[in-house]
Amino acid sequence: MKNIAQKAAIPNPLLEPFAVLIGEWETVGYHPYLPGKVLHGRTSFSWMEEGAFLMMRSENEEGNLPSGIAIFGSDDAVGELFMLYFDERKVSRKYEVSLQDKVFKWWRNDPAFSQRFTCLINDLDGTMIGKGEMCKDGTSWEKDLELTYRRVSKTA
């Protein structure tokens, strides 16, 4: 099985900007539905198939948030990037993704439940500051998960 499609196991040019994320990160965060609770966890980013795809894995030490896995890919014909997410609750979602000028974003627009997350990357101190928002009625946005990522390792 290892020899099938090996010629396609090459870096995806549209995912190149995401190289800044590669590695392991410790996270500290807050969620409005868990007032006063500090959330500690880990996130890792690693290349799949020599860079054809990117994988993100995340977990929370306290168990208040689900552990999740996401795979990033692209549609080069339209120049769009996507993240397919799955977690331990059996929740699966498709998000649009961008990373430009050290701003990493993902979002999904669904009238019943929209989400958006913006993460500011600081290469100098090895941190990312992320803020999420959710919309359950198609019009009003409220705070969602906030995470500070601190780089632990540049390899995952």
N, C-alpha and C. Protein backbone atom coordinates (compact mmCIF):
# COMPACT_ATOMS: atom_id res chain seq x y z
N MET A 1 0.82 -1.20 0.00
CA MET A 1 0.00 0.00 0.00
C MET A 1 0.86 1.26 0.00
N LYS A 2 2.05 1.22 0.59
CA LYS A 2 2.89 2.40 0.70
C LYS A 2 3.33 2.96 -0.65
N ASN A 3 3.36 2.16 -1.68
CA ASN A 3 3.86 2.64 -2.97
C ASN A 3 2.78 3.23 -3.86
N ILE A 4 1.54 3.18 -3.44
CA ILE A 4 0.46 3.72 -4.27
C ILE A 4 0.45 5.24 -4.16
N ALA A 5 0.45 5.92 -5.30
CA ALA A 5 0.33 7.38 -5.42
C ALA A 5 1.44 8.15 -4.72
N GLN A 6 2.61 7.59 -4.58
CA GLN A 6 3.71 8.29 -3.91
C GLN A 6 4.13 9.55 -4.66
N LYS A 7 3.91 9.60 -5.95
CA LYS A 7 4.25 10.80 -6.72
C LYS A 7 3.40 12.00 -6.29
N ALA A 8 2.25 11.73 -5.70
CA ALA A 8 1.36 12.82 -5.24
C ALA A 8 1.69 13.25 -3.81
N ALA A 9 2.57 12.54 -3.14
CA ALA A 9 2.96 12.90 -1.76
C ALA A 9 4.04 13.97 -1.83
N ILE A 10 3.60 15.17 -2.18
CA ILE A 10 4.50 16.33 -2.34
C ILE A 10 3.84 17.55 -1.71
N PRO A 11 4.62 18.61 -1.45
CA PRO A 11 4.03 19.81 -0.84
C PRO A 11 2.95 20.44 -1.72
N ASN A 12 1.86 20.81 -1.08
CA ASN A 12 0.76 21.51 -1.74
C ASN A 12 1.09 23.01 -1.68
N PRO A 13 1.31 23.65 -2.83
CA PRO A 13 1.70 25.07 -2.82
C PRO A 13 0.72 25.99 -2.08
N LEU A 14 -0.57 25.68 -2.11
CA LEU A 14 -1.54 26.54 -1.43
C LEU A 14 -1.45 26.43 0.09
N LEU A 15 -0.84 25.37 0.58
CA LEU A 15 -0.71 25.20 2.04
C LEU A 15 0.63 25.71 2.57
N GLU A 16 1.53 26.16 1.69
CA GLU A 16 2.85 26.64 2.12
C GLU A 16 2.80 27.64 3.28
N PRO A 17 1.90 28.64 3.26
CA PRO A 17 1.88 29.61 4.36
C PRO A 17 1.65 28.97 5.74
N PHE A 18 1.07 27.77 5.77
CA PHE A 18 0.76 27.10 7.03
C PHE A 18 1.99 26.48 7.68
N ALA A 19 3.13 26.52 7.02
CA ALA A 19 4.37 25.98 7.60
C ALA A 19 4.69 26.65 8.93
N VAL A 20 4.26 27.89 9.11
CA VAL A 20 4.50 28.62 10.36
C VAL A 20 3.81 27.94 11.56
N LEU A 21 2.81 27.12 11.30
CA LEU A 21 2.06 26.45 12.37
C LEU A 21 2.68 25.13 12.80
N ILE A 22 3.53 24.55 11.97
CA ILE A 22 4.05 23.21 12.22
C ILE A 22 4.73 23.14 13.59
N GLY A 23 4.33 22.15 14.38
CA GLY A 23 4.91 21.94 15.69
C GLY A 23 3.86 21.66 16.73
N GLU A 24 4.32 21.68 17.96
CA GLU A 24 3.44 21.43 19.10
C GLU A 24 3.25 22.72 19.89
N TRP A 25 2.04 22.91 20.39
CA TRP A 25 1.66 24.12 21.09
C TRP A 25 0.94 23.76 22.38
N GLU A 26 1.22 24.47 23.45
CA GLU A 26 0.41 24.39 24.66
C GLU A 26 -0.64 25.48 24.55
N THR A 27 -1.84 25.20 25.05
CA THR A 27 -2.91 26.19 24.97
C THR A 27 -3.47 26.50 26.35
N VAL A 28 -3.86 27.73 26.51
CA VAL A 28 -4.59 28.18 27.70
C VAL A 28 -5.78 28.97 27.16
N GLY A 29 -6.96 28.67 27.67
CA GLY A 29 -8.12 29.34 27.11
C GLY A 29 -9.27 29.50 28.06
N TYR A 30 -10.30 30.11 27.51
CA TYR A 30 -11.53 30.41 28.24
C TYR A 30 -12.71 30.19 27.30
N HIS A 31 -13.82 29.77 27.87
CA HIS A 31 -15.05 29.61 27.10
C HIS A 31 -16.18 30.26 27.89
N PRO A 32 -17.02 31.06 27.22
CA PRO A 32 -18.09 31.75 27.95
C PRO A 32 -19.08 30.80 28.63
N TYR A 33 -19.20 29.58 28.16
CA TYR A 33 -20.12 28.63 28.79
C TYR A 33 -19.50 27.94 30.01
N LEU A 34 -18.21 28.25 30.28
CA LEU A 34 -17.51 27.70 31.44
C LEU A 34 -16.90 28.85 32.23
N PRO A 35 -17.72 29.73 32.80
CA PRO A 35 -17.21 30.94 33.47
C PRO A 35 -16.24 30.61 34.60
N GLY A 36 -15.13 31.36 34.63
CA GLY A 36 -14.13 31.20 35.67
C GLY A 36 -13.22 30.00 35.51
N LYS A 37 -13.45 29.19 34.49
CA LYS A 37 -12.65 27.98 34.27
C LYS A 37 -11.52 28.28 33.28
N VAL A 38 -10.28 27.97 33.69
CA VAL A 38 -9.13 28.10 32.80
C VAL A 38 -8.92 26.75 32.13
N LEU A 39 -8.84 26.76 30.82
CA LEU A 39 -8.73 25.53 30.05
C LEU A 39 -7.29 25.36 29.56
N HIS A 40 -6.68 24.24 29.91
CA HIS A 40 -5.31 23.94 29.49
C HIS A 40 -5.34 22.78 28.50
N GLY A 41 -4.54 22.90 27.45
CA GLY A 41 -4.53 21.82 26.47
C GLY A 41 -3.30 21.85 25.59
N ARG A 42 -3.39 21.07 24.55
CA ARG A 42 -2.31 20.95 23.57
C ARG A 42 -2.90 20.91 22.18
N THR A 43 -2.15 21.44 21.23
CA THR A 43 -2.50 21.38 19.82
C THR A 43 -1.22 21.10 19.05
N SER A 44 -1.34 20.28 18.01
CA SER A 44 -0.19 20.06 17.13
C SER A 44 -0.62 20.21 15.68
N PHE A 45 0.33 20.66 14.88
CA PHE A 45 0.14 20.77 13.44
C PHE A 45 1.27 19.98 12.79
N SER A 46 0.95 19.13 11.84
CA SER A 46 1.97 18.35 11.14
C SER A 46 1.53 18.12 9.69
N TRP A 47 2.51 17.94 8.85
CA TRP A 47 2.24 17.67 7.45
C TRP A 47 1.80 16.22 7.28
N MET A 48 0.91 15.99 6.37
CA MET A 48 0.51 14.64 5.97
C MET A 48 0.96 14.45 4.53
N GLU A 49 1.39 13.27 4.22
CA GLU A 49 1.78 12.93 2.84
C GLU A 49 2.75 13.96 2.27
N GLU A 50 3.79 14.24 3.07
CA GLU A 50 4.89 15.13 2.65
C GLU A 50 4.44 16.55 2.34
N GLY A 51 3.30 16.97 2.88
CA GLY A 51 2.83 18.34 2.68
C GLY A 51 1.65 18.47 1.74
N ALA A 52 1.13 17.36 1.27
CA ALA A 52 -0.08 17.42 0.43
C ALA A 52 -1.26 17.92 1.25
N PHE A 53 -1.24 17.61 2.56
CA PHE A 53 -2.28 18.02 3.49
C PHE A 53 -1.64 18.43 4.82
N LEU A 54 -2.41 19.10 5.65
CA LEU A 54 -1.96 19.49 6.98
C LEU A 54 -2.93 18.87 7.99
N MET A 55 -2.40 18.37 9.09
CA MET A 55 -3.25 17.81 10.14
C MET A 55 -3.11 18.63 11.42
N MET A 56 -4.23 18.87 12.08
CA MET A 56 -4.25 19.52 13.38
C MET A 56 -4.91 18.56 14.36
N ARG A 57 -4.28 18.40 15.52
CA ARG A 57 -4.85 17.60 16.61
C ARG A 57 -4.93 18.49 17.84
N SER A 58 -6.03 18.41 18.57
CA SER A 58 -6.16 19.25 19.76
C SER A 58 -6.86 18.48 20.86
N GLU A 59 -6.45 18.80 22.12
CA GLU A 59 -7.09 18.19 23.28
C GLU A 59 -7.01 19.15 24.45
N ASN A 60 -7.90 18.94 25.40
CA ASN A 60 -8.00 19.77 26.60
C ASN A 60 -7.79 18.90 27.81
N GLU A 61 -6.90 19.30 28.71
CA GLU A 61 -6.57 18.49 29.89
C GLU A 61 -7.75 18.27 30.82
N GLU A 62 -8.59 19.27 30.98
CA GLU A 62 -9.70 19.17 31.93
C GLU A 62 -10.88 18.37 31.38
N GLY A 63 -10.89 18.09 30.10
CA GLY A 63 -11.98 17.34 29.51
C GLY A 63 -13.24 18.15 29.27
N ASN A 64 -13.16 19.47 29.43
CA ASN A 64 -14.33 20.32 29.21
C ASN A 64 -14.61 20.58 27.74
N LEU A 65 -13.59 20.43 26.92
CA LEU A 65 -13.74 20.62 25.48
C LEU A 65 -13.38 19.30 24.79
N PRO A 66 -13.99 19.02 23.65
CA PRO A 66 -13.71 17.75 22.99
C PRO A 66 -12.33 17.72 22.34
N SER A 67 -11.73 16.54 22.33
CA SER A 67 -10.51 16.34 21.54
C SER A 67 -10.93 16.26 20.08
N GLY A 68 -10.13 16.89 19.22
CA GLY A 68 -10.50 16.92 17.81
C GLY A 68 -9.33 16.73 16.87
N ILE A 69 -9.66 16.36 15.65
CA ILE A 69 -8.70 16.19 14.57
C ILE A 69 -9.23 16.95 13.37
N ALA A 70 -8.33 17.65 12.68
CA ALA A 70 -8.73 18.36 11.47
C ALA A 70 -7.69 18.13 10.38
N ILE A 71 -8.17 18.06 9.15
CA ILE A 71 -7.30 17.92 7.99
C ILE A 71 -7.55 19.11 7.08
N PHE A 72 -6.48 19.79 6.69
CA PHE A 72 -6.55 20.95 5.82
C PHE A 72 -6.16 20.55 4.41
N GLY A 73 -6.90 21.06 3.45
CA GLY A 73 -6.61 20.82 2.04
C GLY A 73 -7.08 22.00 1.22
N SER A 74 -7.01 21.85 -0.09
CA SER A 74 -7.34 22.98 -0.95
C SER A 74 -8.06 22.53 -2.22
N ASP A 75 -8.66 23.52 -2.86
CA ASP A 75 -9.22 23.37 -4.21
C ASP A 75 -8.49 24.40 -5.05
N ASP A 76 -7.48 23.96 -5.79
CA ASP A 76 -6.64 24.92 -6.52
C ASP A 76 -7.36 25.60 -7.66
N ALA A 77 -8.41 25.00 -8.19
CA ALA A 77 -9.15 25.60 -9.30
C ALA A 77 -9.79 26.92 -8.88
N VAL A 78 -10.20 27.02 -7.61
CA VAL A 78 -10.83 28.25 -7.12
C VAL A 78 -9.97 28.96 -6.08
N GLY A 79 -8.83 28.34 -5.71
CA GLY A 79 -7.91 28.97 -4.76
C GLY A 79 -8.44 29.01 -3.35
N GLU A 80 -9.27 28.05 -2.97
CA GLU A 80 -9.85 28.05 -1.63
C GLU A 80 -9.22 26.95 -0.77
N LEU A 81 -9.18 27.22 0.52
CA LEU A 81 -8.65 26.28 1.50
C LEU A 81 -9.76 25.84 2.43
N PHE A 82 -9.69 24.58 2.86
CA PHE A 82 -10.74 24.02 3.71
C PHE A 82 -10.14 23.23 4.85
N MET A 83 -10.92 23.10 5.91
CA MET A 83 -10.56 22.27 7.05
C MET A 83 -11.74 21.33 7.31
N LEU A 84 -11.46 20.03 7.34
CA LEU A 84 -12.46 19.05 7.73
C LEU A 84 -12.17 18.67 9.17
N TYR A 85 -13.14 18.87 10.04
CA TYR A 85 -12.98 18.69 11.48
C TYR A 85 -13.83 17.52 11.96
N PHE A 86 -13.28 16.76 12.93
CA PHE A 86 -14.02 15.68 13.56
C PHE A 86 -13.58 15.61 15.01
N ASP A 87 -14.55 15.38 15.94
CA ASP A 87 -14.15 15.29 17.35
C ASP A 87 -14.79 14.08 18.03
N GLU A 88 -14.43 13.90 19.30
CA GLU A 88 -14.85 12.73 20.05
C GLU A 88 -16.36 12.65 20.26
N ARG A 89 -17.07 13.75 20.03
CA ARG A 89 -18.54 13.72 20.13
C ARG A 89 -19.18 13.18 18.86
N LYS A 90 -18.34 12.88 17.86
CA LYS A 90 -18.75 12.46 16.52
C LYS A 90 -19.30 13.64 15.72
N VAL A 91 -18.90 14.85 16.11
CA VAL A 91 -19.25 16.06 15.37
C VAL A 91 -18.26 16.22 14.23
N SER A 92 -18.77 16.41 13.03
CA SER A 92 -17.89 16.68 11.89
C SER A 92 -18.39 17.92 11.15
N ARG A 93 -17.44 18.78 10.78
CA ARG A 93 -17.79 20.03 10.13
C ARG A 93 -16.74 20.38 9.08
N LYS A 94 -17.19 21.16 8.10
CA LYS A 94 -16.28 21.70 7.08
C LYS A 94 -16.19 23.20 7.28
N TYR A 95 -14.96 23.70 7.36
CA TYR A 95 -14.70 25.12 7.54
C TYR A 95 -13.90 25.65 6.36
N GLU A 96 -14.10 26.89 6.03
CA GLU A 96 -13.20 27.58 5.11
C GLU A 96 -12.04 28.10 5.95
N VAL A 97 -10.88 28.26 5.32
CA VAL A 97 -9.66 28.61 6.04
C VAL A 97 -8.86 29.63 5.25
N SER A 98 -8.13 30.49 5.98
CA SER A 98 -7.16 31.38 5.33
C SER A 98 -6.00 31.63 6.29
N LEU A 99 -4.85 31.94 5.72
CA LEU A 99 -3.70 32.37 6.51
C LEU A 99 -2.96 33.40 5.67
N GLN A 100 -3.09 34.66 6.06
CA GLN A 100 -2.45 35.76 5.35
C GLN A 100 -1.95 36.78 6.36
N ASP A 101 -0.77 37.30 6.11
CA ASP A 101 -0.20 38.35 6.96
C ASP A 101 -0.25 37.98 8.44
N LYS A 102 0.11 36.73 8.75
CA LYS A 102 0.17 36.23 10.14
C LYS A 102 -1.19 36.21 10.83
N VAL A 103 -2.25 36.15 10.04
CA VAL A 103 -3.60 36.01 10.59
C VAL A 103 -4.19 34.70 10.04
N PHE A 104 -4.44 33.77 10.94
CA PHE A 104 -4.97 32.45 10.62
C PHE A 104 -6.45 32.45 10.99
N LYS A 105 -7.31 32.11 10.03
CA LYS A 105 -8.75 32.14 10.27
C LYS A 105 -9.42 30.86 9.78
N TRP A 106 -10.47 30.47 10.49
CA TRP A 106 -11.38 29.47 9.94
C TRP A 106 -12.80 29.86 10.30
N TRP A 107 -13.74 29.48 9.44
CA TRP A 107 -15.13 29.88 9.63
C TRP A 107 -16.06 28.94 8.87
N ARG A 108 -17.29 28.91 9.33
CA ARG A 108 -18.36 28.20 8.64
C ARG A 108 -19.61 29.03 8.75
N ASN A 109 -20.32 29.13 7.65
CA ASN A 109 -21.55 29.91 7.60
C ASN A 109 -22.73 28.97 7.44
N ASP A 110 -23.48 28.82 8.51
CA ASP A 110 -24.65 27.97 8.53
C ASP A 110 -25.71 28.73 9.33
N PRO A 111 -26.86 28.99 8.76
CA PRO A 111 -27.87 29.78 9.48
C PRO A 111 -28.21 29.23 10.86
N ALA A 112 -28.12 27.91 11.05
CA ALA A 112 -28.45 27.32 12.33
C ALA A 112 -27.30 27.43 13.34
N PHE A 113 -26.04 27.45 12.85
CA PHE A 113 -24.90 27.54 13.76
C PHE A 113 -23.65 27.90 12.95
N SER A 114 -23.31 29.18 12.96
CA SER A 114 -22.10 29.66 12.28
C SER A 114 -21.00 29.85 13.31
N GLN A 115 -19.77 29.71 12.87
CA GLN A 115 -18.62 29.92 13.74
C GLN A 115 -17.53 30.63 12.97
N ARG A 116 -16.70 31.38 13.71
CA ARG A 116 -15.50 31.96 13.12
C ARG A 116 -14.44 32.06 14.22
N PHE A 117 -13.19 31.84 13.82
CA PHE A 117 -12.07 31.85 14.75
C PHE A 117 -10.93 32.57 14.07
N THR A 118 -10.35 33.56 14.75
CA THR A 118 -9.24 34.34 14.21
C THR A 118 -8.07 34.23 15.16
N CYS A 119 -6.91 33.91 14.61
CA CYS A 119 -5.72 33.67 15.41
C CYS A 119 -4.59 34.56 14.88
N LEU A 120 -4.03 35.40 15.74
CA LEU A 120 -2.93 36.28 15.37
C LEU A 120 -1.62 35.59 15.74
N ILE A 121 -0.75 35.40 14.75
CA ILE A 121 0.50 34.68 14.94
C ILE A 121 1.63 35.66 15.23
N ASN A 122 2.38 35.40 16.31
CA ASN A 122 3.53 36.22 16.65
C ASN A 122 4.77 35.32 16.62
N ASP A 123 5.53 35.41 15.52
CA ASP A 123 6.74 34.59 15.37
C ASP A 123 7.80 34.95 16.40
N LEU A 124 7.85 36.21 16.82
CA LEU A 124 8.91 36.66 17.71
C LEU A 124 8.88 35.97 19.07
N ASP A 125 7.68 35.82 19.64
CA ASP A 125 7.61 35.17 20.95
C ASP A 125 6.98 33.79 20.90
N GLY A 126 6.71 33.27 19.70
CA GLY A 126 6.19 31.92 19.56
C GLY A 126 4.80 31.72 20.14
N THR A 127 3.94 32.71 19.93
CA THR A 127 2.57 32.60 20.43
C THR A 127 1.57 32.86 19.31
N MET A 128 0.36 32.43 19.56
CA MET A 128 -0.79 32.77 18.73
C MET A 128 -1.92 33.11 19.69
N ILE A 129 -2.65 34.15 19.39
CA ILE A 129 -3.80 34.56 20.20
C ILE A 129 -5.04 34.35 19.34
N GLY A 130 -5.92 33.46 19.80
CA GLY A 130 -7.12 33.13 19.03
C GLY A 130 -8.40 33.49 19.75
N LYS A 131 -9.34 34.02 18.99
CA LYS A 131 -10.65 34.38 19.54
C LYS A 131 -11.73 33.83 18.62
N GLY A 132 -12.67 33.14 19.23
CA GLY A 132 -13.77 32.57 18.47
C GLY A 132 -15.08 33.28 18.72
N GLU A 133 -15.98 33.15 17.76
CA GLU A 133 -17.33 33.68 17.88
C GLU A 133 -18.30 32.66 17.28
N MET A 134 -19.53 32.67 17.77
CA MET A 134 -20.57 31.79 17.24
C MET A 134 -21.86 32.56 17.06
N CYS A 135 -22.66 32.06 16.12
CA CYS A 135 -23.95 32.68 15.82
C CYS A 135 -24.98 31.55 15.68
N LYS A 136 -26.00 31.61 16.51
CA LYS A 136 -27.00 30.54 16.51
C LYS A 136 -28.33 30.95 15.86
N ASP A 137 -28.45 32.24 15.51
CA ASP A 137 -29.72 32.71 14.96
C ASP A 137 -29.59 33.36 13.58
N GLY A 138 -28.39 33.30 13.01
CA GLY A 138 -28.18 33.87 11.68
C GLY A 138 -27.89 35.36 11.68
N THR A 139 -27.94 36.03 12.85
CA THR A 139 -27.69 37.47 12.86
C THR A 139 -26.75 37.94 13.98
N SER A 140 -26.95 37.47 15.20
CA SER A 140 -26.15 38.01 16.31
C SER A 140 -25.02 37.05 16.70
N TRP A 141 -23.83 37.64 16.83
CA TRP A 141 -22.63 36.88 17.18
C TRP A 141 -22.35 37.03 18.67
N GLU A 142 -21.87 35.93 19.28
CA GLU A 142 -21.47 35.96 20.69
C GLU A 142 -20.09 35.33 20.82
N LYS A 143 -19.44 35.61 21.94
CA LYS A 143 -18.11 35.07 22.18
C LYS A 143 -18.14 33.55 22.25
N ASP A 144 -17.08 32.95 21.76
CA ASP A 144 -16.88 31.50 21.82
C ASP A 144 -15.51 31.28 22.44
N LEU A 145 -14.89 30.19 22.17
CA LEU A 145 -13.61 29.82 22.75
C LEU A 145 -12.52 30.85 22.45
N GLU A 146 -11.74 31.20 23.48
CA GLU A 146 -10.55 32.03 23.32
C GLU A 146 -9.36 31.18 23.73
N LEU A 147 -8.32 31.15 22.90
CA LEU A 147 -7.13 30.35 23.19
C LEU A 147 -5.86 31.14 22.95
N THR A 148 -4.90 30.98 23.85
CA THR A 148 -3.55 31.46 23.62
C THR A 148 -2.68 30.22 23.42
N TYR A 149 -2.00 30.18 22.29
CA TYR A 149 -1.11 29.07 21.95
C TYR A 149 0.32 29.51 22.23
N ARG A 150 1.09 28.66 22.88
CA ARG A 150 2.52 28.92 23.12
C ARG A 150 3.30 27.74 22.54
N ARG A 151 4.20 28.07 21.60
CA ARG A 151 4.95 27.02 20.92
C ARG A 151 5.84 26.26 21.90
N VAL A 152 5.77 24.93 21.82
CA VAL A 152 6.60 24.04 22.63
C VAL A 152 7.72 23.46 21.77
N SER A 153 7.39 23.15 20.51
CA SER A 153 8.34 22.51 19.61
C SER A 153 7.99 22.90 18.17
N LYS A 154 9.00 22.97 17.31
CA LYS A 154 8.75 23.28 15.91
C LYS A 154 8.56 22.03 15.06
N THR A 155 8.55 20.89 15.68
CA THR A 155 8.27 19.65 14.95
C THR A 155 7.13 18.93 15.65
N ALA A 156 6.33 18.27 14.86
CA ALA A 156 5.20 17.53 15.45
C ALA A 156 5.26 16.08 15.02
